[in-house]
């Protein structure tokens, strides 16, 4: 069962579902984000090497121009600019699909989840839990943008990271408030917020499974 009821009777993801959600988020962020950043670094190194070769050719041409007659011409040809590797092109296509500025899946999904959380109060904590994971994935995808370096300059110049920070802040505050909102989703027995153990009939004020303090009044009422 993916949805259970916290001691405040709000529905949120079960421990198993939350673990699965954040494992997927970690794989996308560490695996996908790391691959994008690595490809960006490799492509940037190729560009720098090309610019260095072009600079050397320019200096060599100037030397020949000075040493020969004004009508002479240089025999040093330029290399074409290095084309991006196939892996760079593919990872960038996937990154843009996930978090493109105007058409990314993650930003649009996040907006849809926020709207759903505002409308569907009974499932609000569970929806916001997913929205928080989506915001993290979008933030990592924007952080791995090839136009910005992983330096303080690159981070502060990347405007998309501001939107990622706002998404994380909004979702975190909404999730925190939803968990503490009383009287939502009264459709199931209370469970321990730490281990999800059922607290039906418990009047001790302590979870018998893990020892976490519980709401005594809520437990005794059931």
Protein backbone atom coordinates (compact mmCIF):
# COMPACT_ATOMS: atom_id res chain seq x y z
CA UNK A 1 0.00 0.00 0.00
CA UNK A 2 1.56 3.28 -1.10
CA UNK A 3 -0.43 5.67 1.03
CA UNK A 4 -0.72 5.59 4.80
CA UNK A 5 -1.90 8.05 7.42
CA UNK A 6 0.41 10.03 9.65
CA UNK A 7 -0.55 10.80 13.24
CA UNK A 8 -2.10 14.07 12.09
CA UNK A 9 -4.31 12.01 9.70
CA UNK A 10 -2.71 13.46 6.55
CA UNK A 11 -1.95 11.05 3.76
CA UNK A 12 1.69 10.76 2.78
CA UNK A 13 3.85 8.26 0.94
CA UNK A 14 4.73 5.10 2.81
CA UNK A 15 8.33 4.43 3.79
CA UNK A 16 8.75 1.99 0.87
CA UNK A 17 7.29 4.38 -1.68
CA UNK A 18 9.41 7.28 -0.39
CA UNK A 19 12.53 5.12 -0.53
CA UNK A 20 11.73 4.13 -4.13
CA UNK A 21 11.04 7.75 -5.08
CA UNK A 22 14.33 9.04 -3.70
CA UNK A 23 16.33 6.13 -5.13
CA UNK A 24 15.02 7.13 -8.58
CA UNK A 25 15.82 10.79 -7.85
CA UNK A 26 19.35 9.85 -6.70
CA UNK A 27 19.96 7.75 -9.85
CA UNK A 28 18.81 10.60 -12.11
CA UNK A 29 20.80 13.23 -10.23
CA UNK A 30 24.03 11.35 -9.56
CA UNK A 31 24.07 9.17 -12.68
CA UNK A 32 22.47 11.46 -15.25
CA UNK A 33 23.74 14.74 -13.81
CA UNK A 34 27.25 13.34 -13.38
CA UNK A 35 27.30 12.07 -16.95
CA UNK A 36 26.16 15.46 -18.28
CA UNK A 37 28.80 17.32 -16.27
CA UNK A 38 31.51 14.91 -17.41
CA UNK A 39 30.52 15.34 -21.06
CA UNK A 40 30.47 19.13 -20.59
CA UNK A 41 34.01 19.04 -19.18
CA UNK A 42 35.27 16.86 -22.05
CA UNK A 43 33.65 19.12 -24.65
CA UNK A 44 35.07 22.22 -22.97
CA UNK A 45 38.56 20.69 -22.99
CA UNK A 46 38.23 19.96 -26.72
CA UNK A 47 37.18 23.58 -27.31
CA UNK A 48 40.12 24.92 -25.29
CA UNK A 49 42.57 22.68 -27.14
CA UNK A 50 41.17 23.87 -30.47
CA UNK A 51 41.44 27.53 -29.44
CA UNK A 52 45.04 26.94 -28.31
CA UNK A 53 45.92 25.40 -31.69
CA UNK A 54 44.27 28.30 -33.50
CA UNK A 55 46.21 30.78 -31.38
CA UNK A 56 49.48 29.03 -32.24
CA UNK A 57 48.60 29.10 -35.94
CA UNK A 58 47.82 32.81 -35.72
CA UNK A 59 51.19 33.52 -34.12
CA UNK A 60 52.92 31.40 -36.77
CA UNK A 61 51.16 33.29 -39.55
CA UNK A 62 52.23 36.61 -38.08
CA UNK A 63 55.82 35.38 -37.94
CA UNK A 64 55.73 34.39 -41.62
CA UNK A 65 54.13 37.70 -42.57
CA UNK A 66 57.00 39.60 -40.96
CA UNK A 67 59.70 37.33 -42.39
CA UNK A 68 58.50 37.26 -46.00
CA UNK A 69 57.26 39.79 -48.51
CA UNK A 70 53.95 41.53 -48.03
CA UNK A 71 52.50 39.53 -50.87
CA UNK A 72 53.32 36.19 -49.29
CA UNK A 73 50.67 33.89 -47.92
CA UNK A 74 50.70 31.46 -45.04
CA UNK A 75 50.61 27.75 -45.73
CA UNK A 76 49.27 27.02 -42.19
CA UNK A 77 45.65 25.91 -42.52
CA UNK A 78 43.03 26.11 -39.80
CA UNK A 79 41.35 23.07 -38.29
CA UNK A 80 37.57 22.99 -38.27
CA UNK A 81 35.97 23.54 -34.91
CA UNK A 82 35.58 20.17 -33.12
CA UNK A 83 32.10 18.71 -33.37
CA UNK A 84 30.39 17.56 -30.16
CA UNK A 85 30.63 13.84 -29.49
CA UNK A 86 27.60 11.60 -30.02
CA UNK A 87 27.36 10.99 -26.27
CA UNK A 88 27.39 14.74 -25.55
CA UNK A 89 24.60 15.30 -28.08
CA UNK A 90 22.50 12.48 -26.60
CA UNK A 91 22.98 13.48 -22.96
CA UNK A 92 22.17 17.09 -23.79
CA UNK A 93 19.03 16.01 -25.64
CA UNK A 94 17.88 14.02 -22.60
CA UNK A 95 18.76 16.89 -20.25
CA UNK A 96 16.72 19.33 -22.33
CA UNK A 97 13.81 16.87 -22.42
CA UNK A 98 13.83 16.65 -18.63
CA UNK A 99 14.43 20.32 -17.84
CA UNK A 100 14.40 22.42 -20.99
CA UNK A 101 13.72 26.09 -20.34
CA UNK A 102 10.43 26.22 -22.27
CA UNK A 103 9.50 22.57 -22.82
CA UNK A 104 11.06 20.46 -20.08
CA UNK A 105 9.03 17.67 -18.51
CA UNK A 106 10.18 18.35 -14.94
CA UNK A 107 9.09 22.03 -14.65
CA UNK A 108 5.69 21.31 -16.22
CA UNK A 109 5.19 18.25 -14.02
CA UNK A 110 6.13 20.28 -10.95
CA UNK A 111 3.53 22.93 -11.80
CA UNK A 112 0.89 20.22 -12.34
CA UNK A 113 1.75 18.62 -8.98
CA UNK A 114 1.55 21.94 -7.14
CA UNK A 115 -1.88 22.59 -8.66
CA UNK A 116 -2.98 19.04 -7.77
CA UNK A 117 -1.76 19.51 -4.19
CA UNK A 118 -3.76 22.72 -3.90
CA UNK A 119 -6.92 21.02 -5.16
CA UNK A 120 -6.59 17.53 -3.67
CA UNK A 121 -6.09 18.24 0.03
CA UNK A 122 -6.50 14.63 1.10
CA UNK A 123 -3.38 13.52 -0.80
CA UNK A 124 -1.46 16.79 -0.42
CA UNK A 125 1.59 15.49 1.52
CA UNK A 126 2.08 12.57 -0.89
CA UNK A 127 1.80 14.83 -3.95
CA UNK A 128 4.21 17.39 -2.49
CA UNK A 129 6.67 14.61 -1.66
CA UNK A 130 6.80 13.74 -5.36
CA UNK A 131 6.94 17.44 -6.31
CA UNK A 132 10.00 17.87 -4.09
CA UNK A 133 11.79 15.03 -5.92
CA UNK A 134 10.86 16.56 -9.29
CA UNK A 135 12.23 19.94 -8.16
CA UNK A 136 15.54 18.33 -7.17
CA UNK A 137 15.86 16.60 -10.56
CA UNK A 138 15.09 19.86 -12.39
CA UNK A 139 17.66 21.72 -10.31
CA UNK A 140 20.41 19.20 -11.07
CA UNK A 141 19.54 19.26 -14.79
CA UNK A 142 19.80 23.07 -14.84
CA UNK A 143 23.03 22.91 -12.83
CA UNK A 144 24.50 20.62 -15.53
CA UNK A 145 23.76 23.11 -18.34
CA UNK A 146 26.75 23.07 -20.73
CA UNK A 147 26.79 26.85 -21.08
CA UNK A 148 27.84 27.32 -17.46
CA UNK A 149 30.95 26.12 -15.66
CA UNK A 150 30.85 24.53 -12.20
CA UNK A 151 32.43 27.55 -10.54
CA UNK A 152 31.04 30.36 -8.38
CA UNK A 153 30.92 32.55 -11.50
CA UNK A 154 29.08 29.91 -13.48
CA UNK A 155 26.62 29.19 -10.66
CA UNK A 156 25.78 32.85 -10.03
CA UNK A 157 25.38 33.51 -13.76
CA UNK A 158 23.01 30.56 -14.21
CA UNK A 159 19.58 32.17 -13.82
CA UNK A 160 17.85 28.81 -13.98
CA UNK A 161 19.32 27.84 -10.61
CA UNK A 162 17.30 30.68 -9.06
CA UNK A 163 14.11 29.04 -10.34
CA UNK A 164 15.32 25.69 -8.99
CA UNK A 165 15.90 27.26 -5.57
CA UNK A 166 12.41 28.82 -5.63
CA UNK A 167 10.86 25.48 -6.61
CA UNK A 168 12.63 23.71 -3.73
CA UNK A 169 11.71 26.44 -1.25
CA UNK A 170 8.04 26.56 -2.24
CA UNK A 171 7.69 22.77 -2.22
CA UNK A 172 9.50 22.35 1.10
CA UNK A 173 7.37 24.97 2.85
CA UNK A 174 4.15 23.57 1.38
CA UNK A 175 5.14 20.01 2.36
CA UNK A 176 6.00 21.07 5.91
CA UNK A 177 2.68 22.91 6.29
CA UNK A 178 0.71 20.00 4.82
CA UNK A 179 2.18 17.55 7.34
CA UNK A 180 1.04 19.79 10.17
CA UNK A 181 -2.38 20.70 8.81
CA UNK A 182 -5.03 19.20 11.16
CA UNK A 183 -8.14 17.35 10.08
CA UNK A 184 -7.14 16.29 6.56
CA UNK A 185 -7.79 12.87 5.11
CA UNK A 186 -9.68 11.25 8.01
CA UNK A 187 -10.01 7.94 6.19
CA UNK A 188 -7.68 5.56 7.99
CA UNK A 189 -6.03 4.62 11.29
CA UNK A 190 -3.12 6.67 12.64
CA UNK A 191 0.40 5.34 12.21
CA UNK A 192 3.79 6.22 13.66
CA UNK A 193 5.47 9.01 11.71
CA UNK A 194 8.85 7.26 12.05
CA UNK A 195 8.20 3.56 11.36
CA UNK A 196 4.58 3.60 10.02
CA UNK A 197 3.46 1.18 12.76
CA UNK A 198 -0.30 1.22 13.37
CA UNK A 199 -1.25 3.17 16.52
CA UNK A 200 -4.91 2.11 16.62
CA UNK A 201 -5.95 1.82 20.26
CA UNK A 202 -2.60 2.99 21.58
CA UNK A 203 -3.04 5.21 24.64
CA UNK A 204 0.53 5.20 25.97
CA UNK A 205 1.68 8.16 23.89
CA UNK A 206 4.67 6.13 22.64
CA UNK A 207 4.99 3.90 19.57
CA UNK A 208 5.42 0.30 20.81
CA UNK A 209 7.56 -0.55 17.77
CA UNK A 210 10.24 2.18 17.79
CA UNK A 211 9.53 4.28 20.90
CA UNK A 212 8.67 7.47 18.96
CA UNK A 213 6.36 9.84 20.94
CA UNK A 214 2.83 9.95 19.51
CA UNK A 215 -0.22 12.14 19.81
CA UNK A 216 -1.86 10.69 22.89
CA UNK A 217 -5.22 12.32 22.31
CA UNK A 218 -5.48 11.08 18.72
CA UNK A 219 -4.52 7.57 19.64
CA UNK A 220 -6.94 7.35 22.57
CA UNK A 221 -9.76 8.72 20.49
CA UNK A 222 -9.45 5.75 18.16
